[in-house]
Amino acid sequence: MHPCMNCGACCATYRVAFHWIETIHGPVGPGVPETLTQPLDAHRLVMVGTKSSPVRCVALTGHVGGCTTCRIYDRRPSVCREVMAAGENGVPSDQCDRARAAHGLAPLTRADWQAHEKAVISRLAPSRRDAPTNESPSRRRRARPA
């Protein structure tokens, strides 16, 4: 599981401000649902729940530091798309580290990313049962244990 799916700290720490046009046009289709936003100034909106303290984006579900998800992940604003988890692709992120610290979470480590990579590889690798063999199916059925 991606480390962000066990975190959500950035969604409960930072104001999510973006240009209003993002409610009309998303990167691949419809934009941010306007009902989940409120005005910030003449050109920008914020996600409901991120304009004042305590911060918690209305689209965040779950418990910070536990299992979390974004209800509008495919339609999230550009500012959310630009946030990288610390260590993702080997790049540090002070923003991620500060958000995690604000919620009492340790910074992400290389081990967190190694566990994520191992889980991805295990989901992609065919199981031993599905691995090709040189035996014909009829021969495998007749084989008896020794």
Protein backbone atom coordinates (compact mmCIF):
# COMPACT_ATOMS: atom_id res chain seq x y z
CA MET A 1 0.00 0.00 0.00
CA HIS A 2 1.29 3.47 -0.85
CA PRO A 3 2.51 5.20 2.34
CA CYS A 4 0.07 8.09 1.77
CA MET A 5 -2.82 5.64 2.19
CA ASN A 6 -1.68 5.15 5.80
CA CYS A 7 -1.22 8.85 6.49
CA GLY A 8 -3.48 11.70 5.34
CA ALA A 9 -1.46 14.22 7.37
CA CYS A 10 -1.08 16.76 4.54
CA CYS A 11 -4.89 16.77 4.08
CA ALA A 12 -5.29 17.65 7.75
CA THR A 13 -2.49 20.22 7.95
CA TYR A 14 -2.43 22.52 4.92
CA ARG A 15 -4.87 24.88 3.22
CA VAL A 16 -5.81 23.55 -0.21
CA ALA A 17 -6.13 26.64 -2.42
CA PHE A 18 -6.43 26.58 -6.22
CA HIS A 19 -7.79 28.59 -9.16
CA TRP A 20 -11.57 28.34 -9.64
CA ILE A 21 -11.14 27.03 -13.21
CA GLU A 22 -10.17 23.67 -11.68
CA THR A 23 -13.82 23.11 -10.74
CA ILE A 24 -14.67 23.08 -14.46
CA HIS A 25 -11.69 21.36 -16.07
CA GLY A 26 -9.74 18.56 -14.47
CA PRO A 27 -6.64 16.99 -16.01
CA VAL A 28 -8.64 14.19 -17.62
CA GLY A 29 -12.27 15.17 -17.22
CA PRO A 30 -14.52 16.95 -14.75
CA GLY A 31 -12.77 19.10 -12.17
CA VAL A 32 -13.00 19.45 -8.41
CA PRO A 33 -16.65 19.23 -7.26
CA GLU A 34 -17.66 22.85 -6.59
CA THR A 35 -19.85 21.77 -3.67
CA LEU A 36 -16.67 20.79 -1.77
CA THR A 37 -15.11 24.25 -2.14
CA GLN A 38 -15.49 27.73 -0.70
CA PRO A 39 -14.15 31.11 -1.89
CA LEU A 40 -10.74 32.33 -0.76
CA ASP A 41 -10.42 35.45 -2.93
CA ALA A 42 -11.55 36.71 -6.36
CA HIS A 43 -9.75 33.95 -8.27
CA ARG A 44 -9.09 31.14 -5.81
CA LEU A 45 -11.13 28.55 -3.98
CA VAL A 46 -10.20 26.31 -1.07
CA MET A 47 -11.36 22.85 -0.19
CA VAL A 48 -13.96 23.00 2.57
CA GLY A 49 -12.27 22.32 5.90
CA THR A 50 -8.88 23.76 4.95
CA LYS A 51 -9.48 27.51 5.31
CA SER A 52 -9.26 27.69 9.12
CA SER A 53 -8.12 25.64 12.10
CA PRO A 54 -8.46 22.81 12.75
CA VAL A 55 -7.61 21.87 9.17
CA ARG A 56 -9.15 18.76 7.65
CA CYS A 57 -10.09 18.54 3.99
CA VAL A 58 -13.70 17.51 3.47
CA ALA A 59 -12.58 14.93 0.89
CA LEU A 60 -10.35 13.05 3.37
CA THR A 61 -11.86 9.88 4.77
CA GLY A 62 -10.40 7.72 7.50
CA HIS A 63 -8.15 8.45 10.45
CA VAL A 64 -4.91 10.42 10.03
CA GLY A 65 -2.07 7.98 10.61
CA GLY A 66 -4.38 5.04 9.88
CA CYS A 67 -6.09 3.99 6.70
CA THR A 68 -7.05 7.10 4.69
CA THR A 69 -8.26 7.96 1.22
CA CYS A 70 -9.37 10.94 -0.82
CA ARG A 71 -13.01 10.77 -1.94
CA ILE A 72 -12.17 12.82 -5.05
CA TYR A 73 -8.69 11.45 -5.81
CA ASP A 74 -9.22 11.42 -9.60
CA ARG A 75 -10.68 14.94 -9.44
CA ARG A 76 -8.37 16.43 -6.78
CA PRO A 77 -6.93 19.92 -7.31
CA SER A 78 -3.51 20.53 -8.86
CA VAL A 79 -2.00 21.55 -5.51
CA CYS A 80 -2.80 18.06 -4.18
CA ARG A 81 -1.41 16.40 -7.31
CA GLU A 82 1.87 18.26 -6.83
CA VAL A 83 2.47 17.11 -3.24
CA MET A 84 4.98 14.29 -3.07
CA ALA A 85 5.45 12.02 -0.09
CA ALA A 86 8.89 12.27 1.49
CA GLY A 87 11.25 9.88 -0.22
CA GLU A 88 8.94 9.16 -3.14
CA ASN A 89 11.18 8.65 -6.18
CA GLY A 90 14.09 9.36 -3.82
CA VAL A 91 13.09 13.01 -3.37
CA PRO A 92 12.87 14.52 0.14
CA SER A 93 9.80 16.57 1.11
CA ASP A 94 9.93 19.00 4.02
CA GLN A 95 6.19 19.61 3.48
CA CYS A 96 5.42 15.92 4.03
CA ASP A 97 7.76 15.68 7.01
CA ARG A 98 6.19 18.76 8.69
CA ALA A 99 2.64 17.47 8.15
CA ARG A 100 3.50 14.07 9.57
CA ALA A 101 5.25 15.64 12.58
CA ALA A 102 2.18 17.83 13.23
CA HIS A 103 0.18 14.63 13.72
CA GLY A 104 2.81 12.78 15.75
CA LEU A 105 3.87 10.56 12.85
CA ALA A 106 7.49 9.65 12.18
CA PRO A 107 9.03 10.76 8.88
CA LEU A 108 8.78 8.25 6.05
CA THR A 109 11.89 6.12 5.68
CA ARG A 110 13.53 4.07 2.98
CA ALA A 111 12.04 1.00 4.67
CA ASP A 112 8.50 2.38 4.12
CA TRP A 113 9.19 2.67 0.40
CA GLN A 114 10.86 -0.75 0.24
CA ALA A 115 7.76 -2.32 1.84
CA HIS A 116 5.57 -0.51 -0.70
CA GLU A 117 7.72 -1.71 -3.62
CA LYS A 118 7.70 -5.28 -2.30
CA ALA A 119 3.88 -5.21 -2.04
CA VAL A 120 3.55 -3.86 -5.60
CA ILE A 121 5.90 -6.52 -6.96
CA SER A 122 4.06 -9.31 -5.15
CA ARG A 123 0.73 -8.14 -6.63
CA LEU A 124 2.21 -8.03 -10.14
CA ALA A 125 4.14 -11.31 -10.03
CA PRO A 126 2.25 -14.41 -11.15
CA SER A 127 1.66 -16.93 -8.42
CA ARG A 128 3.63 -20.19 -8.47
CA ARG A 129 0.40 -22.00 -9.26
CA ASP A 130 0.04 -20.01 -12.48
CA ALA A 131 3.69 -20.33 -13.45
CA PRO A 132 4.24 -22.12 -16.77
CA THR A 133 5.67 -25.61 -16.63
CA ASN A 134 7.05 -28.00 -19.21
CA GLU A 135 4.57 -30.69 -18.24
CA SER A 136 1.32 -31.20 -20.09
CA PRO A 137 -1.87 -30.70 -18.07
CA SER A 138 -2.75 -34.39 -18.37
CA ARG A 139 0.66 -35.47 -17.05
CA ARG A 140 0.32 -33.13 -14.05
CA ARG A 141 -3.05 -34.64 -13.14
CA ARG A 142 -1.64 -38.18 -13.21
CA ALA A 143 1.44 -37.40 -11.17
CA ARG A 144 1.29 -38.88 -7.70
CA PRO A 145 3.35 -37.78 -4.71
CA ALA A 146 6.26 -40.08 -3.87
